[in-house]
Amino acid sequence: MSAIGAMARRGEPSTRAASTIALAATLALLGVTMAVALYKFPLPLSVILVVGVGMLGLLALTIANYEAAVTLGFLVFGIVSLEPAPPDGVFAVVIAVAIVTGRFNLARVPMSVFGLLGAFVFLNILSAIEVIELQAAVRFMTITIYLAVFAVWFTSYLDSPERARAVVKAYLVPATFFALVASVALFAPIPGGSTLLEYKGTRATGLFEDPNVFGPFLVPVALIVLQEILDPRLLNARLGVKLLTFLVLTGGVLFSYSRAAWVNEVIGAVVLLLVLMMRRGGGRKALAVLVLVVTTAVGVGGVLSLTGSLGFLEERAHVQTYDTQRFGAQRTGVELAEEYPVGVGPGQFESRVPISAHSTYVRTLAEQGVLGLALIAALFLTTLVFAGNNAVRGRDTYGIGSAALLGAWVGLLVNSFVVDTLHWRHLWFVAALIWIGAMRRVSELPAPQREPAAM
C-alpha cells in the first residue's frame, strides 16, 4: 500500500495540509474556468444570479445528502453541449465538499495511476510556455486537470454495491432515454426533437455537441447491461427490460452514425464474449451473447430497412472526403512534436492546424511532446493491465462486470486513435471503475479472488 494511503488512514497533519491545498487548487480551477467562460460568453446579470443561487443550492444539497448530489451529477452526465458542462459544476462542488469533510481517500487510488496522472498534469503546465492562445490554453488545461481530479475522486468514492448500483442507474436511465428519443426524432417529428440531432437532422447527438461523442457515451453502459443480462449482479430489473434497454442503447449508437462508435461497441462486445468464453462454464454465456448480438443486429437492420435508412448507413460506412483532411492534420501534429520538444501547449492544436487532431495520441504528442504521449500511453496501458487482470480473475467493481469494463476500455483505446477522447467524461469514468476493481481489499472479495491490492 502507498505511503500516501497510509498517511490518509492515520489522518496525519501533512495529509490534512495536502487536503487544504488540494481544496484551494480545486476552487481556484473552478473560478478560473468560470471566469474564462464568462469572458468568452458574457451572460446577463439575471442569468448569473440564477446560476449563483443554483450553485448555493447544490452546495446545500451536497452537505445535507452527499450521495444524492453525486447521483445528480451522473443524472446530468450526458449533458455536454459546451464546456464546462453541467456535470462539471455538480462534481466540482461535490469534490470540494469531499475534501473539506475528509471523504477524499487517496488510499483507494493505485499509486502507479496517481503518479502518472500527476506527471501528466505537470507536463501540461510545463508545455504552456509555448502557448499562443492563452484563453484556449487556460480553458483546455483546466478541464484536463479537473477530469484527472474527478477520476481520482470517483475512485475514492465508489466503495460499495449500493453506491455502484446508484451510479450505474443514474448513468443508465438518461442515456437510455436520450438514445430512444434521439433515434425516434430521426424518423418522426417530436417536440424538441431537433435539439437532439445534428448535421441537418441526419444524426442522433442527444445533448452532446457531436454525435461522435454521443455514440461512444452509450457504449460503456450498453456493455454493462449486456453482461448484466447474462450474469445479473447489480440491476434488479427483469430480463425483458434489460434486453430492451440494450437494444435501445445499441440503436442510439447506430443512429449516431459514428463509425468510431460502431467499432467501439463491436470491439467491446467481442472482448466481452472472449472473456466469458475463457471462464469456467462460460460457453453457454458466450453463446447467449452471440445470439443476442446477432438478434440485435437483425432487429436494427429491419428498422433501417423499414425507415429507408440503409442508403445513408452505407454512405457513412465508406471513407469520407474529410478523412483526408483529418489524416493531414495528424501528420502536421507529428511535425509539431518534432519542432517543439515539450509540445505547443494545452488546447493549442487548433491554433496551429486548421482542423482538430481527431486523435488523442496525436493531440497529446503535439501539445505535450513525446514525453506527454509516453505518459498518456503508460496511463492507458496501466489501466488496460488492471482491466485485463480484473477480467481474468472475475473481479468485478462492486457488481459492475469486469468483462464489460475491459471491453469498454479496449473500445475507448481504439476510438482514441481517430477521435480526441481526452475530455470525454465517460473515458475517465470507465478508467476509475477499473482502478476501483483493481484496488478492492482482500477482505471484500470471495476466496478465489483474494490477492494483494494493485500498486
Protein backbone atom coordinates (compact mmCIF):
# COMPACT_ATOMS: atom_id res chain seq x y z
CA MET A 1 0.00 0.00 0.00
CA SER A 2 1.26 3.51 -0.77
CA ALA A 3 2.72 5.90 1.80
CA ILE A 4 0.04 8.41 0.79
CA GLY A 5 -2.64 5.87 1.62
CA ALA A 6 -1.08 5.10 4.99
CA MET A 7 -0.98 8.78 5.93
CA ALA A 8 -4.55 9.26 4.79
CA ARG A 9 -5.75 6.44 7.05
CA ARG A 10 -3.88 7.83 10.06
CA GLY A 11 -5.08 11.38 9.37
CA GLU A 12 -1.60 12.87 9.78
CA PRO A 13 -1.23 16.69 9.72
CA SER A 14 0.65 16.56 6.41
CA THR A 15 -2.34 14.86 4.83
CA ARG A 16 -4.73 17.47 6.22
CA ALA A 17 -2.48 20.21 4.85
CA ALA A 18 -2.40 18.47 1.47
CA SER A 19 -6.19 18.28 1.52
CA THR A 20 -6.41 22.02 2.22
CA ILE A 21 -4.04 22.78 -0.65
CA ALA A 22 -5.99 20.43 -2.94
CA LEU A 23 -9.24 22.16 -1.99
CA ALA A 24 -7.75 25.60 -2.72
CA ALA A 25 -6.45 24.36 -6.07
CA THR A 26 -9.84 22.83 -6.97
CA LEU A 27 -11.72 26.02 -6.11
CA ALA A 28 -9.14 28.12 -7.97
CA LEU A 29 -9.53 25.94 -11.08
CA LEU A 30 -13.29 26.24 -10.88
CA GLY A 31 -13.01 30.01 -10.50
CA VAL A 32 -10.63 30.34 -13.46
CA THR A 33 -12.87 28.18 -15.64
CA MET A 34 -15.95 30.23 -14.77
CA ALA A 35 -14.08 33.48 -15.37
CA VAL A 36 -12.87 32.33 -18.79
CA ALA A 37 -16.33 31.05 -19.71
CA LEU A 38 -18.00 34.32 -18.66
CA TYR A 39 -15.37 36.34 -20.52
CA LYS A 40 -15.92 34.41 -23.74
CA PHE A 41 -19.68 34.04 -23.33
CA PRO A 42 -20.90 37.04 -21.28
CA LEU A 43 -24.24 36.40 -19.60
CA PRO A 44 -26.96 38.76 -18.38
CA LEU A 45 -26.84 39.58 -14.68
CA SER A 46 -30.11 37.73 -14.13
CA VAL A 47 -28.64 34.51 -15.52
CA ILE A 48 -25.52 34.89 -13.38
CA LEU A 49 -27.70 35.35 -10.31
CA VAL A 50 -29.72 32.23 -11.15
CA VAL A 51 -26.52 30.20 -11.62
CA GLY A 52 -25.14 31.53 -8.34
CA VAL A 53 -28.29 30.60 -6.45
CA GLY A 54 -28.22 27.20 -8.12
CA MET A 55 -24.63 26.60 -7.00
CA LEU A 56 -25.53 27.59 -3.45
CA GLY A 57 -28.46 25.18 -3.57
CA LEU A 58 -26.17 22.47 -4.88
CA LEU A 59 -23.71 23.15 -2.06
CA ALA A 60 -26.56 22.85 0.47
CA LEU A 61 -27.69 19.56 -1.13
CA THR A 62 -24.15 18.15 -1.07
CA ILE A 63 -23.71 18.99 2.60
CA ALA A 64 -27.15 17.60 3.50
CA ASN A 65 -27.04 14.47 1.31
CA TYR A 66 -23.68 13.70 -0.27
CA GLU A 67 -24.86 10.59 -2.16
CA ALA A 68 -27.86 12.44 -3.62
CA ALA A 69 -25.58 15.14 -5.01
CA VAL A 70 -23.35 12.50 -6.62
CA THR A 71 -26.41 10.84 -8.15
CA LEU A 72 -27.49 14.22 -9.55
CA GLY A 73 -24.07 14.61 -11.15
CA PHE A 74 -24.44 11.32 -13.00
CA LEU A 75 -28.03 12.08 -13.98
CA VAL A 76 -26.69 15.06 -15.96
CA PHE A 77 -23.53 13.23 -17.05
CA GLY A 78 -24.73 13.16 -20.66
CA ILE A 79 -25.31 16.92 -20.99
CA VAL A 80 -22.10 18.14 -22.58
CA SER A 81 -23.10 20.56 -25.31
CA LEU A 82 -20.46 23.01 -24.06
CA GLU A 83 -17.52 23.08 -21.64
CA PRO A 84 -17.54 23.42 -18.72
CA ALA A 85 -20.70 21.27 -18.72
CA PRO A 86 -23.46 20.89 -16.09
CA PRO A 87 -21.94 17.73 -14.58
CA ASP A 88 -18.66 19.61 -14.11
CA GLY A 89 -20.38 22.20 -11.93
CA VAL A 90 -22.03 19.49 -9.84
CA PHE A 91 -18.87 17.44 -9.35
CA ALA A 92 -16.71 20.50 -8.64
CA VAL A 93 -18.92 21.24 -5.63
CA VAL A 94 -19.06 17.57 -4.61
CA ILE A 95 -15.28 17.21 -4.80
CA ALA A 96 -14.71 20.39 -2.80
CA VAL A 97 -17.07 19.17 -0.07
CA ALA A 98 -15.42 15.73 -0.15
CA ILE A 99 -12.02 17.31 0.52
CA VAL A 100 -13.27 19.52 3.35
CA THR A 101 -15.17 16.71 5.06
CA GLY A 102 -12.40 14.11 4.73
CA ARG A 103 -14.19 11.91 2.19
CA PHE A 104 -11.36 12.11 -0.36
CA ASN A 105 -9.42 8.91 0.35
CA LEU A 106 -6.27 8.69 -1.78
CA ALA A 107 -5.53 5.25 -0.35
CA ARG A 108 -8.10 3.82 -2.78
CA VAL A 109 -6.16 5.03 -5.85
CA PRO A 110 -3.39 2.84 -7.35
CA MET A 111 -0.04 4.53 -6.72
CA SER A 112 1.03 3.99 -10.33
CA VAL A 113 -2.08 5.76 -11.61
CA PHE A 114 -1.66 8.62 -9.15
CA GLY A 115 1.95 9.13 -10.24
CA LEU A 116 1.19 9.03 -13.96
CA LEU A 117 -1.72 11.45 -13.60
CA GLY A 118 0.39 13.85 -11.56
CA ALA A 119 3.23 13.76 -14.10
CA PHE A 120 0.82 14.34 -16.99
CA VAL A 121 -0.76 17.34 -15.24
CA PHE A 122 2.70 18.78 -14.50
CA LEU A 123 3.69 18.37 -18.15
CA ASN A 124 0.50 20.18 -19.23
CA ILE A 125 1.55 23.13 -17.10
CA LEU A 126 5.15 22.99 -18.37
CA SER A 127 4.08 22.88 -22.02
CA ALA A 128 2.10 26.10 -21.52
CA ILE A 129 5.32 28.08 -22.13
CA GLU A 130 4.71 27.67 -25.88
CA VAL A 131 1.05 28.78 -25.99
CA ILE A 132 -0.09 31.44 -28.44
CA GLU A 133 -3.77 31.44 -27.42
CA LEU A 134 -3.74 31.93 -23.66
CA GLN A 135 -7.52 31.82 -23.23
CA ALA A 136 -7.79 28.47 -25.03
CA ALA A 137 -4.84 27.11 -23.05
CA VAL A 138 -6.31 28.04 -19.66
CA ARG A 139 -9.68 26.59 -20.56
CA PHE A 140 -8.30 23.34 -22.00
CA MET A 141 -5.78 22.74 -19.23
CA THR A 142 -8.34 23.48 -16.52
CA ILE A 143 -10.72 20.88 -17.93
CA THR A 144 -7.90 18.32 -18.21
CA ILE A 145 -6.87 18.87 -14.58
CA TYR A 146 -10.49 18.79 -13.43
CA LEU A 147 -11.10 15.44 -15.15
CA ALA A 148 -7.95 13.96 -13.57
CA VAL A 149 -9.20 15.13 -10.15
CA PHE A 150 -12.67 13.78 -10.95
CA ALA A 151 -11.27 10.34 -11.79
CA VAL A 152 -9.25 10.22 -8.57
CA TRP A 153 -12.23 11.40 -6.51
CA PHE A 154 -14.58 8.86 -8.11
CA THR A 155 -12.08 6.08 -7.42
CA SER A 156 -12.17 7.03 -3.74
CA TYR A 157 -15.96 7.45 -3.69
CA LEU A 158 -17.34 4.19 -5.05
CA ASP A 159 -16.78 1.69 -2.24
CA SER A 160 -19.96 -0.41 -2.04
CA PRO A 161 -22.51 -2.25 -4.21
CA GLU A 162 -25.14 0.29 -3.14
CA ARG A 163 -23.13 3.20 -4.50
CA ALA A 164 -22.25 1.26 -7.65
CA ARG A 165 -25.93 0.50 -8.26
CA ALA A 166 -26.95 4.13 -7.75
CA VAL A 167 -24.23 5.42 -10.09
CA VAL A 168 -24.98 2.93 -12.87
CA LYS A 169 -28.72 3.63 -12.70
CA ALA A 170 -28.11 7.39 -12.74
CA TYR A 171 -25.97 6.93 -15.89
CA LEU A 172 -28.24 4.32 -17.48
CA VAL A 173 -31.67 5.94 -17.22
CA PRO A 174 -30.92 9.26 -19.01
CA ALA A 175 -28.61 7.50 -21.51
CA THR A 176 -31.40 5.11 -22.48
CA PHE A 177 -33.98 7.90 -22.60
CA PHE A 178 -31.94 10.15 -24.89
CA ALA A 179 -30.86 7.21 -27.06
CA LEU A 180 -34.54 6.37 -27.59
CA VAL A 181 -35.82 9.91 -28.11
CA ALA A 182 -32.95 10.92 -30.41
CA SER A 183 -33.42 7.78 -32.50
CA VAL A 184 -37.16 8.39 -32.81
CA ALA A 185 -36.54 12.05 -33.69
CA LEU A 186 -34.63 10.94 -36.78
CA PHE A 187 -37.77 9.42 -38.27
CA ALA A 188 -40.71 11.20 -36.69
CA PRO A 189 -41.39 14.80 -35.64
CA ILE A 190 -41.46 15.11 -31.84
CA PRO A 191 -41.44 18.22 -29.65
CA GLY A 192 -37.86 19.42 -29.20
CA GLY A 193 -36.52 16.57 -31.31
CA SER A 194 -34.35 18.84 -33.44
CA THR A 195 -32.21 19.72 -30.40
CA LEU A 196 -31.14 16.05 -30.23
CA LEU A 197 -29.97 15.90 -33.84
CA GLU A 198 -27.06 17.34 -35.81
CA TYR A 199 -25.90 17.61 -39.43
CA LYS A 200 -29.26 18.87 -40.72
CA GLY A 201 -31.18 16.34 -38.67
CA THR A 202 -29.42 13.26 -40.08
CA ARG A 203 -27.51 12.05 -36.98
CA ALA A 204 -28.53 11.48 -33.35
CA THR A 205 -26.43 13.53 -30.94
CA GLY A 206 -28.52 13.62 -27.75
CA LEU A 207 -27.42 16.51 -25.54
CA PHE A 208 -23.84 16.35 -26.80
CA GLU A 209 -22.35 18.78 -29.28
CA ASP A 210 -21.07 16.00 -31.51
CA PRO A 211 -22.61 12.62 -32.45
CA ASN A 212 -19.08 11.18 -32.41
CA VAL A 213 -19.16 11.68 -28.64
CA PHE A 214 -22.81 10.75 -28.07
CA GLY A 215 -22.42 7.30 -29.67
CA PRO A 216 -19.39 6.23 -27.61
CA PHE A 217 -21.03 7.67 -24.46
CA LEU A 218 -23.70 4.95 -24.79
CA VAL A 219 -21.26 2.08 -25.29
CA PRO A 220 -19.92 1.51 -21.73
CA VAL A 221 -23.36 1.33 -20.16
CA ALA A 222 -24.62 -0.84 -23.04
CA LEU A 223 -21.83 -3.34 -22.33
CA ILE A 224 -22.56 -3.24 -18.59
CA VAL A 225 -26.20 -4.08 -19.36
CA LEU A 226 -25.10 -6.83 -21.75
CA GLN A 227 -23.09 -8.55 -19.04
CA GLU A 228 -25.95 -7.99 -16.58
CA ILE A 229 -28.28 -9.87 -18.92
CA LEU A 230 -26.08 -12.97 -18.66
CA ASP A 231 -24.72 -12.56 -15.16
CA PRO A 232 -27.05 -10.34 -13.08
CA ARG A 233 -25.33 -8.85 -10.05
CA LEU A 234 -26.22 -5.19 -9.89
CA LEU A 235 -29.51 -4.36 -11.60
CA ASN A 236 -32.74 -5.97 -10.36
CA ALA A 237 -34.77 -5.25 -13.49
CA ARG A 238 -36.48 -8.09 -15.35
CA LEU A 239 -34.70 -9.81 -18.22
CA GLY A 240 -37.08 -8.32 -20.79
CA VAL A 241 -36.39 -4.80 -19.55
CA LYS A 242 -32.63 -5.36 -19.76
CA LEU A 243 -32.91 -6.76 -23.27
CA LEU A 244 -35.00 -3.80 -24.41
CA THR A 245 -32.56 -1.37 -22.75
CA PHE A 246 -29.60 -2.94 -24.55
CA LEU A 247 -31.47 -2.75 -27.86
CA VAL A 248 -32.32 0.94 -27.35
CA LEU A 249 -28.74 1.83 -26.38
CA THR A 250 -27.35 -0.04 -29.38
CA GLY A 251 -29.86 1.75 -31.58
CA GLY A 252 -28.59 5.07 -30.22
CA VAL A 253 -25.02 4.06 -31.07
CA LEU A 254 -26.06 3.08 -34.58
CA PHE A 255 -28.12 6.20 -35.26
CA SER A 256 -25.32 8.49 -34.15
CA TYR A 257 -23.85 7.30 -37.45
CA SER A 258 -20.40 7.50 -35.88
CA ARG A 259 -18.11 4.92 -37.42
CA ALA A 260 -15.81 5.09 -34.41
CA ALA A 261 -18.76 4.42 -32.09
CA TRP A 262 -19.76 1.39 -34.15
CA VAL A 263 -16.24 -0.02 -33.94
CA ASN A 264 -16.17 0.84 -30.24
CA GLU A 265 -19.24 -1.23 -29.43
CA VAL A 266 -18.31 -4.13 -31.73
CA ILE A 267 -14.85 -4.39 -30.17
CA GLY A 268 -16.33 -4.13 -26.68
CA ALA A 269 -18.84 -6.90 -27.36
CA VAL A 270 -16.17 -9.15 -28.89
CA VAL A 271 -13.85 -8.66 -25.91
CA LEU A 272 -16.71 -9.38 -23.51
CA LEU A 273 -17.53 -12.53 -25.48
CA LEU A 274 -13.92 -13.74 -25.39
CA VAL A 275 -13.63 -13.14 -21.64
CA LEU A 276 -16.81 -15.11 -20.96
CA MET A 277 -15.56 -17.96 -23.17
CA MET A 278 -12.39 -18.24 -21.06
CA ARG A 279 -14.29 -18.55 -17.79
CA ARG A 280 -15.46 -21.83 -16.33
CA GLY A 281 -18.88 -22.68 -17.72
CA GLY A 282 -18.71 -19.60 -19.91
CA GLY A 283 -19.51 -21.39 -23.15
CA ARG A 284 -23.26 -21.06 -22.71
CA LYS A 285 -22.99 -17.41 -21.71
CA ALA A 286 -20.75 -16.67 -24.68
CA LEU A 287 -23.26 -18.37 -26.97
CA ALA A 288 -26.04 -16.32 -25.40
CA VAL A 289 -24.07 -13.11 -26.06
CA LEU A 290 -23.54 -14.14 -29.67
CA VAL A 291 -27.24 -14.92 -30.16
CA LEU A 292 -28.23 -11.64 -28.52
CA VAL A 293 -25.83 -9.59 -30.63
CA VAL A 294 -26.95 -11.28 -33.86
CA THR A 295 -30.61 -10.81 -32.91
CA THR A 296 -29.98 -7.15 -32.16
CA ALA A 297 -28.19 -6.71 -35.50
CA VAL A 298 -31.10 -8.32 -37.35
CA GLY A 299 -33.63 -6.18 -35.48
CA VAL A 300 -31.73 -2.97 -36.14
CA GLY A 301 -31.30 -3.98 -39.78
CA GLY A 302 -35.05 -4.41 -40.03
CA VAL A 303 -35.62 -0.94 -38.61
CA LEU A 304 -33.14 0.55 -41.08
CA SER A 305 -34.84 -1.19 -43.96
CA LEU A 306 -38.33 -0.07 -42.90
CA THR A 307 -37.22 3.54 -42.43
CA GLY A 308 -35.26 3.68 -45.68
CA SER A 309 -32.01 4.48 -43.89
CA LEU A 310 -29.84 1.73 -45.35
CA GLY A 311 -28.51 4.06 -48.04
CA PHE A 312 -27.28 6.62 -45.51
CA LEU A 313 -25.79 3.84 -43.40
CA GLU A 314 -23.85 2.51 -46.39
CA GLU A 315 -22.67 6.03 -47.22
CA ARG A 316 -21.41 6.59 -43.66
CA ALA A 317 -19.60 3.24 -43.70
CA HIS A 318 -17.37 4.36 -46.57
CA VAL A 319 -14.35 6.63 -46.43
CA GLN A 320 -15.49 10.26 -46.26
CA THR A 321 -13.93 13.20 -48.11
CA TYR A 322 -12.90 14.90 -44.86
CA ASP A 323 -10.93 11.82 -43.75
CA THR A 324 -8.05 13.01 -45.91
CA GLN A 325 -8.07 16.34 -44.06
CA ARG A 326 -8.02 14.53 -40.71
CA PHE A 327 -5.02 12.43 -41.67
CA GLY A 328 -3.27 15.54 -42.96
CA ALA A 329 -3.87 17.29 -39.63
CA GLN A 330 -2.43 14.30 -37.80
CA ARG A 331 0.72 14.38 -39.93
CA THR A 332 1.08 18.06 -39.08
CA GLY A 333 0.69 17.18 -35.39
CA VAL A 334 3.66 14.82 -35.64
CA GLU A 335 5.68 17.58 -37.31
CA LEU A 336 4.82 19.96 -34.46
CA ALA A 337 6.22 17.46 -31.97
CA GLU A 338 9.49 17.41 -33.89
CA GLU A 339 9.73 21.19 -33.69
CA TYR A 340 8.57 21.66 -30.08
CA PRO A 341 10.11 19.08 -27.67
CA VAL A 342 7.66 19.85 -24.81
CA GLY A 343 4.76 20.48 -27.17
CA VAL A 344 2.88 23.58 -28.26
CA GLY A 345 0.81 23.71 -25.06
CA PRO A 346 -2.67 22.59 -23.95
CA GLY A 347 -5.52 23.36 -26.33
CA GLN A 348 -3.19 24.83 -28.96
CA PHE A 349 -3.56 22.24 -31.72
CA GLU A 350 -6.38 24.14 -33.44
CA SER A 351 -4.32 27.36 -33.20
CA ARG A 352 -1.57 25.76 -35.27
CA VAL A 353 -3.56 23.46 -37.56
CA PRO A 354 -6.77 24.32 -39.48
CA ILE A 355 -8.79 21.36 -38.08
CA SER A 356 -8.82 19.30 -34.89
CA ALA A 357 -6.41 16.43 -34.27
CA HIS A 358 -9.13 13.73 -34.25
CA SER A 359 -6.77 11.58 -32.20
CA THR A 360 -5.98 11.67 -28.51
CA TYR A 361 -2.50 10.37 -29.17
CA VAL A 362 -1.68 12.91 -31.88
CA ARG A 363 -3.08 15.79 -29.83
CA THR A 364 -1.03 14.77 -26.81
CA LEU A 365 2.10 14.33 -28.93
CA ALA A 366 1.68 17.77 -30.47
CA GLU A 367 0.67 19.59 -27.28
CA GLN A 368 2.89 17.86 -24.66
CA GLY A 369 5.59 16.32 -26.83
CA VAL A 370 6.97 12.79 -26.87
CA LEU A 371 7.07 12.63 -23.06
CA GLY A 372 3.40 13.60 -22.89
CA LEU A 373 2.49 10.86 -25.35
CA ALA A 374 4.57 8.38 -23.33
CA LEU A 375 2.77 9.35 -20.11
CA ILE A 376 -0.76 9.14 -21.52
CA ALA A 377 0.10 5.84 -23.22
CA ALA A 378 1.52 4.49 -19.95
CA LEU A 379 -1.63 5.56 -18.09
CA PHE A 380 -3.90 3.95 -20.68
CA LEU A 381 -1.84 0.74 -20.80
CA THR A 382 -1.61 0.51 -17.00
CA THR A 383 -5.39 0.79 -16.86
CA LEU A 384 -5.63 -1.88 -19.57
CA VAL A 385 -3.45 -4.23 -17.50
CA PHE A 386 -5.67 -3.64 -14.45
CA ALA A 387 -8.78 -4.25 -16.56
CA GLY A 388 -7.36 -7.48 -18.01
CA ASN A 389 -6.32 -8.74 -14.60
CA ASN A 390 -9.77 -7.96 -13.18
CA ALA A 391 -11.45 -9.76 -16.06
CA VAL A 392 -9.22 -12.85 -15.90
CA ARG A 393 -9.81 -13.20 -12.15
CA GLY A 394 -13.51 -12.41 -12.41
CA ARG A 395 -13.06 -9.49 -10.04
CA ASP A 396 -15.96 -7.07 -10.53
CA THR A 397 -16.27 -3.47 -9.36
CA TYR A 398 -18.87 -3.93 -6.64
CA GLY A 399 -21.16 -5.73 -9.09
CA ILE A 400 -20.17 -3.91 -12.30
CA GLY A 401 -18.89 -6.66 -14.59
CA SER A 402 -15.14 -6.72 -15.24
CA ALA A 403 -15.62 -8.23 -18.72
CA ALA A 404 -17.82 -5.28 -19.69
CA LEU A 405 -15.29 -2.79 -18.33
CA LEU A 406 -12.42 -4.46 -20.19
CA GLY A 407 -14.45 -4.37 -23.41
CA ALA A 408 -15.39 -0.74 -22.85
CA TRP A 409 -11.78 0.25 -22.19
CA VAL A 410 -10.36 -1.56 -25.23
CA GLY A 411 -13.04 0.09 -27.36
CA LEU A 412 -12.13 3.51 -25.98
CA LEU A 413 -8.43 2.97 -26.64
CA VAL A 414 -9.15 2.11 -30.27
CA ASN A 415 -11.59 5.02 -30.55
CA SER A 416 -8.86 7.35 -29.28
CA PHE A 417 -6.85 6.77 -32.47
CA VAL A 418 -9.48 8.53 -34.60
CA VAL A 419 -11.26 10.84 -32.11
CA ASP A 420 -9.93 13.18 -29.43
CA THR A 421 -11.21 11.48 -26.25
CA LEU A 422 -9.10 13.26 -23.62
CA HIS A 423 -12.03 15.35 -22.36
CA TRP A 424 -14.64 12.60 -22.53
CA ARG A 425 -16.16 12.26 -19.07
CA HIS A 426 -17.08 8.62 -19.74
CA LEU A 427 -13.46 7.74 -20.56
CA TRP A 428 -12.38 8.80 -17.07
CA PHE A 429 -15.50 7.16 -15.61
CA VAL A 430 -14.59 3.77 -17.09
CA ALA A 431 -10.93 4.16 -16.09
CA ALA A 432 -11.92 4.90 -12.48
CA LEU A 433 -14.22 1.88 -12.36
CA ILE A 434 -11.30 -0.29 -13.46
CA TRP A 435 -8.97 1.23 -10.84
CA ILE A 436 -11.61 0.62 -8.17
CA GLY A 437 -11.85 -3.04 -9.11
CA ALA A 438 -8.06 -3.38 -9.01
CA MET A 439 -7.88 -1.87 -5.52
CA ARG A 440 -10.65 -3.85 -3.84
CA ARG A 441 -9.38 -5.09 -0.50
CA VAL A 442 -8.76 -8.81 0.07
CA SER A 443 -11.39 -8.99 2.82
CA GLU A 444 -14.09 -7.72 0.41
CA LEU A 445 -13.58 -10.48 -2.14
CA PRO A 446 -14.72 -14.11 -2.33
CA ALA A 447 -11.95 -16.60 -1.55
CA PRO A 448 -10.99 -17.43 -5.22
CA GLN A 449 -10.41 -13.73 -5.94
CA ARG A 450 -8.16 -12.88 -2.99
CA GLU A 451 -4.80 -11.39 -3.86
CA PRO A 452 -2.71 -8.33 -2.95
CA ALA A 453 -4.10 -4.93 -3.90
CA ALA A 454 -2.77 -3.24 -7.04
CA MET A 455 0.08 -0.76 -6.81
